Amino acid sequence: MLDETATLIARKAGYKFSAQVMKSLYSSPRLEILRPTPEIELKAVDLFGKYADQEVSFTDCTSFALMHAHRLTQVFCFDRHFDDPGFSRIPLAR
């Protein structure tokens, strides 16, 4: 999710730079930003319980629910938690 992207960029390159990057992403005509509906949020709650033993974040569970709802199978991330639900990470997991 973009919130985690903003935080990572801020910690690595500075908060002002991160804010500039995020403004650019949010205003890009090439990027479609998916937002959870109440139904998707409830599915995320179910997934949060399902993956409780793995301590998966609620943000990740929301991403899983959004991806399932939109039939997305690939994700750009470095988070191993996306492996168990069956998503393919780009770059490939090592």
PDB file of N, CA and C in Angstrom:
ATOM      1  N   MET A   1       0.846  -1.176   0.000  1.00  0.00           N
ATOM      2  CA  MET A   1       0.000   0.000   0.000  1.00  0.00           C
ATOM      3  C   MET A   1       0.885   1.230   0.000  1.00  0.00           C
ATOM      4  N   LEU A   2       0.325   2.298  -0.488  1.00  0.00           N
ATOM      5  CA  LEU A   2       1.113   3.512  -0.609  1.00  0.00           C
ATOM      6  C   LEU A   2       1.561   4.071   0.732  1.00  0.00           C
ATOM      7  N   ASP A   3       0.826   3.807   1.791  1.00  0.00           N
ATOM      8  CA  ASP A   3       1.248   4.326   3.097  1.00  0.00           C
ATOM      9  C   ASP A   3       2.582   3.728   3.516  1.00  0.00           C
ATOM     10  N   GLU A   4       2.794   2.457   3.264  1.00  0.00           N
ATOM     11  CA  GLU A   4       4.065   1.832   3.602  1.00  0.00           C
ATOM     12  C   GLU A   4       5.188   2.329   2.688  1.00  0.00           C
ATOM     13  N   THR A   5       4.858   2.597   1.439  1.00  0.00           N
ATOM     14  CA  THR A   5       5.830   3.153   0.505  1.00  0.00           C
ATOM     15  C   THR A   5       6.293   4.520   0.977  1.00  0.00           C
ATOM     16  N   ALA A   6       5.357   5.354   1.379  1.00  0.00           N
ATOM     17  CA  ALA A   6       5.691   6.697   1.871  1.00  0.00           C
ATOM     18  C   ALA A   6       6.605   6.620   3.085  1.00  0.00           C
ATOM     19  N   THR A   7       6.307   5.735   3.999  1.00  0.00           N
ATOM     20  CA  THR A   7       7.114   5.596   5.213  1.00  0.00           C
ATOM     21  C   THR A   7       8.523   5.101   4.884  1.00  0.00           C
ATOM     22  N   LEU A   8       8.632   4.119   4.004  1.00  0.00           N
ATOM     23  CA  LEU A   8       9.947   3.601   3.632  1.00  0.00           C
ATOM     24  C   LEU A   8      10.793   4.686   2.966  1.00  0.00           C
ATOM     25  N   ILE A   9      10.210   5.387   2.013  1.00  0.00           N
ATOM     26  CA  ILE A   9      10.952   6.459   1.332  1.00  0.00           C
ATOM     27  C   ILE A   9      11.366   7.533   2.338  1.00  0.00           C
ATOM     28  N   ALA A  10      10.474   7.889   3.236  1.00  0.00           N
ATOM     29  CA  ALA A  10      10.770   8.918   4.237  1.00  0.00           C
ATOM     30  C   ALA A  10      11.944   8.510   5.112  1.00  0.00           C
ATOM     31  N   ARG A  11      11.963   7.278   5.536  1.00  0.00           N
ATOM     32  CA  ARG A  11      13.038   6.810   6.419  1.00  0.00           C
ATOM     33  C   ARG A  11      14.372   6.692   5.701  1.00  0.00           C
ATOM     34  N   LYS A  12      14.319   6.383   4.411  1.00  0.00           N
ATOM     35  CA  LYS A  12      15.552   6.200   3.640  1.00  0.00           C
ATOM     36  C   LYS A  12      16.063   7.497   3.012  1.00  0.00           C
ATOM     37  N   ALA A  13      15.143   8.373   2.588  1.00  0.00           N
ATOM     38  CA  ALA A  13      15.553   9.549   1.810  1.00  0.00           C
ATOM     39  C   ALA A  13      15.032  10.867   2.353  1.00  0.00           C
ATOM     40  N   GLY A  14      14.251  10.841   3.418  1.00  0.00           N
ATOM     41  CA  GLY A  14      13.751  12.072   4.007  1.00  0.00           C
ATOM     42  C   GLY A  14      12.259  12.261   3.786  1.00  0.00           C
ATOM     43  N   TYR A  15      11.641  12.904   4.753  1.00  0.00           N
ATOM     44  CA  TYR A  15      10.192  13.072   4.738  1.00  0.00           C
ATOM     45  C   TYR A  15       9.720  14.062   3.675  1.00  0.00           C
ATOM     46  N   LYS A  16      10.456  15.135   3.465  1.00  0.00           N
ATOM     47  CA  LYS A  16      10.055  16.097   2.424  1.00  0.00           C
ATOM     48  C   LYS A  16      10.125  15.456   1.046  1.00  0.00           C
ATOM     49  N   PHE A  17      11.197  14.695   0.802  1.00  0.00           N
ATOM     50  CA  PHE A  17      11.320  14.002  -0.471  1.00  0.00           C
ATOM     51  C   PHE A  17      10.183  13.001  -0.645  1.00  0.00           C
ATOM     52  N   SER A  18       9.886  12.271   0.402  1.00  0.00           N
ATOM     53  CA  SER A  18       8.802  11.296   0.343  1.00  0.00           C
ATOM     54  C   SER A  18       7.477  11.977   0.010  1.00  0.00           C
ATOM     55  N   ALA A  19       7.212  13.122   0.623  1.00  0.00           N
ATOM     56  CA  ALA A  19       5.966  13.850   0.336  1.00  0.00           C
ATOM     57  C   ALA A  19       5.904  14.256  -1.133  1.00  0.00           C
ATOM     58  N   GLN A  20       7.025  14.658  -1.697  1.00  0.00           N
ATOM     59  CA  GLN A  20       7.063  15.025  -3.121  1.00  0.00           C
ATOM     60  C   GLN A  20       6.777  13.806  -4.001  1.00  0.00           C
ATOM     61  N   VAL A  21       7.401  12.686  -3.668  1.00  0.00           N
ATOM     62  CA  VAL A  21       7.179  11.454  -4.429  1.00  0.00           C
ATOM     63  C   VAL A  21       5.714  11.046  -4.351  1.00  0.00           C
ATOM     64  N   MET A  22       5.138  11.114  -3.154  1.00  0.00           N
ATOM     65  CA  MET A  22       3.746  10.699  -2.983  1.00  0.00           C
ATOM     66  C   MET A  22       2.796  11.613  -3.752  1.00  0.00           C
ATOM     67  N   LYS A  23       3.052  12.919  -3.749  1.00  0.00           N
ATOM     68  CA  LYS A  23       2.218  13.833  -4.549  1.00  0.00           C
ATOM     69  C   LYS A  23       2.274  13.450  -6.017  1.00  0.00           C
ATOM     70  N   SER A  24       3.475  13.108  -6.462  1.00  0.00           N
ATOM     71  CA  SER A  24       3.651  12.708  -7.854  1.00  0.00           C
ATOM     72  C   SER A  24       2.885  11.416  -8.160  1.00  0.00           C
ATOM     73  N   LEU A  25       2.966  10.442  -7.254  1.00  0.00           N
ATOM     74  CA  LEU A  25       2.240   9.185  -7.461  1.00  0.00           C
ATOM     75  C   LEU A  25       0.731   9.405  -7.480  1.00  0.00           C
ATOM     76  N   TYR A  26       0.234  10.170  -6.526  1.00  0.00           N
ATOM     77  CA  TYR A  26      -1.212  10.397  -6.440  1.00  0.00           C
ATOM     78  C   TYR A  26      -1.754  11.198  -7.617  1.00  0.00           C
ATOM     79  N   SER A  27      -0.923  11.994  -8.239  1.00  0.00           N
ATOM     80  CA  SER A  27      -1.403  12.797  -9.370  1.00  0.00           C
ATOM     81  C   SER A  27      -1.112  12.150 -10.724  1.00  0.00           C
ATOM     82  N   SER A  28      -0.478  10.987 -10.727  1.00  0.00           N
ATOM     83  CA  SER A  28      -0.120  10.322 -11.969  1.00  0.00           C
ATOM     84  C   SER A  28      -1.347   9.741 -12.671  1.00  0.00           C
ATOM     85  N   PRO A  29      -1.497  10.036 -13.959  1.00  0.00           N
ATOM     86  CA  PRO A  29      -2.596   9.435 -14.725  1.00  0.00           C
ATOM     87  C   PRO A  29      -2.321   7.965 -15.069  1.00  0.00           C
ATOM     88  N   ARG A  30      -1.099   7.499 -14.837  1.00  0.00           N
ATOM     89  CA  ARG A  30      -0.715   6.121 -15.162  1.00  0.00           C
ATOM     90  C   ARG A  30      -0.944   5.143 -14.021  1.00  0.00           C
ATOM     91  N   LEU A  31      -1.252   5.672 -12.869  1.00  0.00           N
ATOM     92  CA  LEU A  31      -1.390   4.831 -11.683  1.00  0.00           C
ATOM     93  C   LEU A  31      -2.844   4.784 -11.245  1.00  0.00           C
ATOM     94  N   GLU A  32      -3.371   3.574 -11.116  1.00  0.00           N
ATOM     95  CA  GLU A  32      -4.717   3.407 -10.583  1.00  0.00           C
ATOM     96  C   GLU A  32      -4.587   3.001  -9.120  1.00  0.00           C
ATOM     97  N   ILE A  33      -5.137   3.810  -8.250  1.00  0.00           N
ATOM     98  CA  ILE A  33      -5.058   3.539  -6.821  1.00  0.00           C
ATOM     99  C   ILE A  33      -6.338   2.838  -6.392  1.00  0.00           C
ATOM    100  N   LEU A  34      -6.182   1.629  -5.865  1.00  0.00           N
ATOM    101  CA  LEU A  34      -7.326   0.853  -5.407  1.00  0.00           C
ATOM    102  C   LEU A  34      -7.576   1.162  -3.941  1.00  0.00           C
ATOM    103  N   ARG A  35      -8.831   1.361  -3.592  1.00  0.00           N
ATOM    104  CA  ARG A  35      -9.199   1.659  -2.214  1.00  0.00           C
ATOM    105  C   ARG A  35     -10.191   0.589  -1.732  1.00  0.00           C
ATOM    106  N   PRO A  36     -10.044   0.200  -0.471  1.00  0.00           N
ATOM    107  CA  PRO A  36     -10.938  -0.847   0.035  1.00  0.00           C
ATOM    108  C   PRO A  36     -12.358  -0.343   0.279  1.00  0.00           C
ATOM    109  N   THR A  37     -13.302  -1.166  -0.067  1.00  0.00           N
ATOM    110  CA  THR A  37     -14.700  -0.938   0.281  1.00  0.00           C
ATOM    111  C   THR A  37     -14.916  -1.499   1.687  1.00  0.00           C
ATOM    112  N   PRO A  38     -16.045  -1.222   2.307  1.00  0.00           N
ATOM    113  CA  PRO A  38     -16.307  -1.850   3.612  1.00  0.00           C
ATOM    114  C   PRO A  38     -16.259  -3.384   3.549  1.00  0.00           C
ATOM    115  N   GLU A  39     -16.722  -3.971   2.450  1.00  0.00           N
ATOM    116  CA  GLU A  39     -16.695  -5.425   2.306  1.00  0.00           C
ATOM    117  C   GLU A  39     -15.260  -5.949   2.244  1.00  0.00           C
ATOM    118  N   ILE A  40     -14.413  -5.234   1.524  1.00  0.00           N
ATOM    119  CA  ILE A  40     -13.006  -5.641   1.432  1.00  0.00           C
ATOM    120  C   ILE A  40     -12.331  -5.486   2.792  1.00  0.00           C
ATOM    121  N   GLU A  41     -12.674  -4.442   3.531  1.00  0.00           N
ATOM    122  CA  GLU A  41     -12.107  -4.266   4.872  1.00  0.00           C
ATOM    123  C   GLU A  41     -12.516  -5.418   5.802  1.00  0.00           C
ATOM    124  N   LEU A  42     -13.756  -5.868   5.688  1.00  0.00           N
ATOM    125  CA  LEU A  42     -14.189  -7.016   6.502  1.00  0.00           C
ATOM    126  C   LEU A  42     -13.439  -8.282   6.106  1.00  0.00           C
ATOM    127  N   LYS A  43     -13.191  -8.459   4.814  1.00  0.00           N
ATOM    128  CA  LYS A  43     -12.388  -9.600   4.354  1.00  0.00           C
ATOM    129  C   LYS A  43     -10.973  -9.487   4.922  1.00  0.00           C
ATOM    130  N   ALA A  44     -10.433  -8.269   4.983  1.00  0.00           N
ATOM    131  CA  ALA A  44      -9.104  -8.058   5.565  1.00  0.00           C
ATOM    132  C   ALA A  44      -9.079  -8.462   7.036  1.00  0.00           C
ATOM    133  N   VAL A  45     -10.165  -8.182   7.756  1.00  0.00           N
ATOM    134  CA  VAL A  45     -10.256  -8.587   9.163  1.00  0.00           C
ATOM    135  C   VAL A  45     -10.206 -10.113   9.270  1.00  0.00           C
ATOM    136  N   ASP A  46     -10.934 -10.795   8.387  1.00  0.00           N
ATOM    137  CA  ASP A  46     -10.895 -12.263   8.371  1.00  0.00           C
ATOM    138  C   ASP A  46      -9.477 -12.776   8.107  1.00  0.00           C
ATOM    139  N   LEU A  47      -8.797 -12.170   7.134  1.00  0.00           N
ATOM    140  CA  LEU A  47      -7.434 -12.575   6.805  1.00  0.00           C
ATOM    141  C   LEU A  47      -6.468 -12.267   7.943  1.00  0.00           C
ATOM    142  N   PHE A  48      -6.710 -11.169   8.645  1.00  0.00           N
ATOM    143  CA  PHE A  48      -5.881 -10.788   9.796  1.00  0.00           C
ATOM    144  C   PHE A  48      -5.938 -11.881  10.865  1.00  0.00           C
ATOM    145  N   GLY A  49      -7.124 -12.439  11.067  1.00  0.00           N
ATOM    146  CA  GLY A  49      -7.264 -13.565  11.989  1.00  0.00           C
ATOM    147  C   GLY A  49      -6.626 -14.830  11.449  1.00  0.00           C
ATOM    148  N   LYS A  50      -6.804 -15.077  10.169  1.00  0.00           N
ATOM    149  CA  LYS A  50      -6.260 -16.286   9.536  1.00  0.00           C
ATOM    150  C   LYS A  50      -4.741 -16.332   9.633  1.00  0.00           C
ATOM    151  N   TYR A  51      -4.090 -15.204   9.442  1.00  0.00           N
ATOM    152  CA  TYR A  51      -2.630 -15.155   9.437  1.00  0.00           C
ATOM    153  C   TYR A  51      -2.052 -14.643  10.764  1.00  0.00           C
ATOM    154  N   ALA A  52      -2.839 -14.702  11.832  1.00  0.00           N
ATOM    155  CA  ALA A  52      -2.401 -14.199  13.139  1.00  0.00           C
ATOM    156  C   ALA A  52      -1.136 -14.891  13.630  1.00  0.00           C
ATOM    157  N   ASP A  53      -1.012 -16.169  13.355  1.00  0.00           N
ATOM    158  CA  ASP A  53       0.170 -16.908  13.815  1.00  0.00           C
ATOM    159  C   ASP A  53       1.452 -16.445  13.121  1.00  0.00           C
ATOM    160  N   GLN A  54       1.313 -15.776  11.981  1.00  0.00           N
ATOM    161  CA  GLN A  54       2.467 -15.279  11.236  1.00  0.00           C
ATOM    162  C   GLN A  54       2.719 -13.783  11.486  1.00  0.00           C
ATOM    163  N   GLU A  55       1.867 -13.180  12.310  1.00  0.00           N
ATOM    164  CA  GLU A  55       1.977 -11.759  12.642  1.00  0.00           C
ATOM    165  C   GLU A  55       2.008 -10.869  11.398  1.00  0.00           C
ATOM    166  N   VAL A  56       1.119 -11.163  10.452  1.00  0.00           N
ATOM    167  CA  VAL A  56       0.982 -10.362   9.239  1.00  0.00           C
ATOM    168  C   VAL A  56       0.262  -9.070   9.609  1.00  0.00           C
ATOM    169  N   SER A  57       0.722  -7.954   9.070  1.00  0.00           N
ATOM    170  CA  SER A  57       0.114  -6.663   9.406  1.00  0.00           C
ATOM    171  C   SER A  57      -1.285  -6.538   8.811  1.00  0.00           C
ATOM    172  N   PHE A  58      -2.084  -5.683   9.421  1.00  0.00           N
ATOM    173  CA  PHE A  58      -3.418  -5.437   8.886  1.00  0.00           C
ATOM    174  C   PHE A  58      -3.322  -4.760   7.515  1.00  0.00           C
ATOM    175  N   THR A  59      -2.295  -3.937   7.321  1.00  0.00           N
ATOM    176  CA  THR A  59      -2.077  -3.316   6.010  1.00  0.00           C
ATOM    177  C   THR A  59      -1.863  -4.386   4.953  1.00  0.00           C
ATOM    178  N   ASP A  60      -1.041  -5.397   5.258  1.00  0.00           N
ATOM    179  CA  ASP A  60      -0.829  -6.487   4.305  1.00  0.00           C
ATOM    180  C   ASP A  60      -2.128  -7.242   4.034  1.00  0.00           C
ATOM    181  N   CYS A  61      -2.903  -7.506   5.071  1.00  0.00           N
ATOM    182  CA  CYS A  61      -4.174  -8.216   4.897  1.00  0.00           C
ATOM    183  C   CYS A  61      -5.147  -7.414   4.036  1.00  0.00           C
ATOM    184  N   THR A  62      -5.139  -6.106   4.192  1.00  0.00           N
ATOM    185  CA  THR A  62      -5.970  -5.255   3.341  1.00  0.00           C
ATOM    186  C   THR A  62      -5.498  -5.354   1.892  1.00  0.00           C
ATOM    187  N   SER A  63      -4.172  -5.366   1.707  1.00  0.00           N
ATOM    188  CA  SER A  63      -3.631  -5.544   0.355  1.00  0.00           C
ATOM    189  C   SER A  63      -4.050  -6.885  -0.225  1.00  0.00           C
ATOM    190  N   PHE A  64      -3.970  -7.954   0.574  1.00  0.00           N
ATOM    191  CA  PHE A  64      -4.394  -9.277   0.096  1.00  0.00           C
ATOM    192  C   PHE A  64      -5.844  -9.237  -0.366  1.00  0.00           C
ATOM    193  N   ALA A  65      -6.713  -8.654   0.451  1.00  0.00           N
ATOM    194  CA  ALA A  65      -8.144  -8.603   0.137  1.00  0.00           C
ATOM    195  C   ALA A  65      -8.396  -7.782  -1.127  1.00  0.00           C
ATOM    196  N   LEU A  66      -7.716  -6.659  -1.254  1.00  0.00           N
ATOM    197  CA  LEU A  66      -7.856  -5.835  -2.467  1.00  0.00           C
ATOM    198  C   LEU A  66      -7.381  -6.605  -3.695  1.00  0.00           C
ATOM    199  N   MET A  67      -6.249  -7.265  -3.559  1.00  0.00           N
ATOM    200  CA  MET A  67      -5.704  -8.006  -4.688  1.00  0.00           C
ATOM    201  C   MET A  67      -6.613  -9.151  -5.106  1.00  0.00           C
ATOM    202  N   HIS A  68      -7.160  -9.873  -4.121  1.00  0.00           N
ATOM    203  CA  HIS A  68      -8.111 -10.943  -4.451  1.00  0.00           C
ATOM    204  C   HIS A  68      -9.339 -10.374  -5.156  1.00  0.00           C
ATOM    205  N   ALA A  69      -9.869  -9.275  -4.650  1.00  0.00           N
ATOM    206  CA  ALA A  69     -11.085  -8.674  -5.223  1.00  0.00           C
ATOM    207  C   ALA A  69     -10.876  -8.217  -6.661  1.00  0.00           C
ATOM    208  N   HIS A  70      -9.651  -7.808  -6.978  1.00  0.00           N
ATOM    209  CA  HIS A  70      -9.358  -7.303  -8.324  1.00  0.00           C
ATOM    210  C   HIS A  70      -8.600  -8.322  -9.169  1.00  0.00           C
ATOM    211  N   ARG A  71      -8.539  -9.554  -8.655  1.00  0.00           N
ATOM    212  CA  ARG A  71      -7.896 -10.675  -9.359  1.00  0.00           C
ATOM    213  C   ARG A  71      -6.449 -10.362  -9.770  1.00  0.00           C
ATOM    214  N   LEU A  72      -5.712  -9.748  -8.859  1.00  0.00           N
ATOM    215  CA  LEU A  72      -4.304  -9.446  -9.092  1.00  0.00           C
ATOM    216  C   LEU A  72      -3.461 -10.575  -8.499  1.00  0.00           C
ATOM    217  N   THR A  73      -2.449 -10.991  -9.217  1.00  0.00           N
ATOM    218  CA  THR A  73      -1.626 -12.107  -8.761  1.00  0.00           C
ATOM    219  C   THR A  73      -0.174 -11.726  -8.501  1.00  0.00           C
ATOM    220  N   GLN A  74       0.265 -10.579  -9.008  1.00  0.00           N
ATOM    221  CA  GLN A  74       1.643 -10.143  -8.827  1.00  0.00           C
ATOM    222  C   GLN A  74       1.676  -8.868  -8.006  1.00  0.00           C
ATOM    223  N   VAL A  75       2.740  -8.739  -7.215  1.00  0.00           N
ATOM    224  CA  VAL A  75       2.884  -7.571  -6.352  1.00  0.00           C
ATOM    225  C   VAL A  75       4.346  -7.144  -6.339  1.00  0.00           C
ATOM    226  N   PHE A  76       4.579  -5.850  -6.420  1.00  0.00           N
ATOM    227  CA  PHE A  76       5.934  -5.334  -6.290  1.00  0.00           C
ATOM    228  C   PHE A  76       6.182  -5.086  -4.808  1.00  0.00           C
ATOM    229  N   CYS A  77       6.962  -5.966  -4.208  1.00  0.00           N
ATOM    230  CA  CYS A  77       7.263  -5.828  -2.784  1.00  0.00           C
ATOM    231  C   CYS A  77       8.405  -6.760  -2.414  1.00  0.00           C
ATOM    232  N   PHE A  78       8.910  -6.566  -1.203  1.00  0.00           N
ATOM    233  CA  PHE A  78       9.976  -7.416  -0.680  1.00  0.00           C
ATOM    234  C   PHE A  78       9.474  -8.213   0.524  1.00  0.00           C
ATOM    235  N   ASP A  79       8.191  -8.170   0.779  1.00  0.00           N
ATOM    236  CA  ASP A  79       7.573  -8.735   1.975  1.00  0.00           C
ATOM    237  C   ASP A  79       7.210 -10.205   1.751  1.00  0.00           C
ATOM    238  N   ARG A  80       7.855 -11.088   2.507  1.00  0.00           N
ATOM    239  CA  ARG A  80       7.612 -12.535   2.366  1.00  0.00           C
ATOM    240  C   ARG A  80       6.184 -12.929   2.710  1.00  0.00           C
ATOM    241  N   HIS A  81       5.458 -12.075   3.429  1.00  0.00           N
ATOM    242  CA  HIS A  81       4.084 -12.408   3.810  1.00  0.00           C
ATOM    243  C   HIS A  81       3.161 -12.564   2.596  1.00  0.00           C
ATOM    244  N   PHE A  82       3.562 -12.063   1.451  1.00  0.00           N
ATOM    245  CA  PHE A  82       2.735 -12.196   0.251  1.00  0.00           C
ATOM    246  C   PHE A  82       2.891 -13.567  -0.413  1.00  0.00           C
ATOM    247  N   ASP A  83       3.855 -14.351   0.054  1.00  0.00           N
ATOM    248  CA  ASP A  83       4.081 -15.674  -0.540  1.00  0.00           C
ATOM    249  C   ASP A  83       2.986 -16.674  -0.168  1.00  0.00           C
ATOM    250  N   ASP A  84       2.662 -16.799   1.108  1.00  0.00           N
ATOM    251  CA  ASP A  84       1.686 -17.800   1.560  1.00  0.00           C
ATOM    252  C   ASP A  84       0.301 -17.638   0.945  1.00  0.00           C
ATOM    253  N   PRO A  85      -0.197 -16.401   0.779  1.00  0.00           N
ATOM    254  CA  PRO A  85      -1.505 -16.265   0.124  1.00  0.00           C
ATOM    255  C   PRO A  85      -1.464 -16.553  -1.383  1.00  0.00           C
ATOM    256  N   GLY A  86      -0.265 -16.814  -1.927  1.00  0.00           N
ATOM    257  CA  GLY A  86      -0.170 -17.229  -3.321  1.00  0.00           C
ATOM    258  C   GLY A  86       0.156 -16.141  -4.316  1.00  0.00           C
ATOM    259  N   PHE A  87       0.641 -14.997  -3.863  1.00  0.00           N
ATOM    260  CA  PHE A  87       0.999 -13.926  -4.783  1.00  0.00           C
ATOM    261  C   PHE A  87       2.444 -14.093  -5.237  1.00  0.00           C
ATOM    262  N   SER A  88       2.724 -13.644  -6.449  1.00  0.00           N
ATOM    263  CA  SER A  88       4.085 -13.657  -6.977  1.00  0.00           C
ATOM    264  C   SER A  88       4.690 -12.281  -6.743  1.00  0.00           C
ATOM    265  N   ARG A  89       5.842 -12.273  -6.083  1.00  0.00           N
ATOM    266  CA  ARG A  89       6.507 -11.000  -5.802  1.00  0.00           C
ATOM    267  C   ARG A  89       7.439 -10.615  -6.934  1.00  0.00           C
ATOM    268  N   ILE A  90       7.460  -9.336  -7.229  1.00  0.00           N
ATOM    269  CA  ILE A  90       8.419  -8.761  -8.173  1.00  0.00           C
ATOM    270  C   ILE A  90       9.163  -7.695  -7.386  1.00  0.00           C
ATOM    271  N   PRO A  91      10.452  -7.728  -7.233  1.00  0.00           N
ATOM    272  CA  PRO A  91      11.339  -8.735  -7.791  1.00  0.00           C
ATOM    273  C   PRO A  91      11.123 -10.097  -7.151  1.00  0.00           C
ATOM    274  N   LEU A  92      11.566 -11.127  -7.832  1.00  0.00           N
ATOM    275  CA  LEU A  92      11.362 -12.486  -7.346  1.00  0.00           C
ATOM    276  C   LEU A  92      12.008 -12.678  -5.987  1.00  0.00           C
ATOM    277  N   ALA A  93      11.343 -13.453  -5.147  1.00  0.00           N
ATOM    278  CA  ALA A  93      11.880 -13.753  -3.821  1.00  0.00           C
ATOM    279  C   ALA A  93      13.159 -14.553  -3.954  1.00  0.00           C
ATOM    280  N   ARG A  94      14.073 -14.274  -3.062  1.00  0.00           N
ATOM    281  CA  ARG A  94      15.360 -15.006  -3.083  1.00  0.00           C
ATOM    282  C   ARG A  94      15.467 -15.912  -1.901  1.00  0.00           C
TER     283      ARG A  94
END
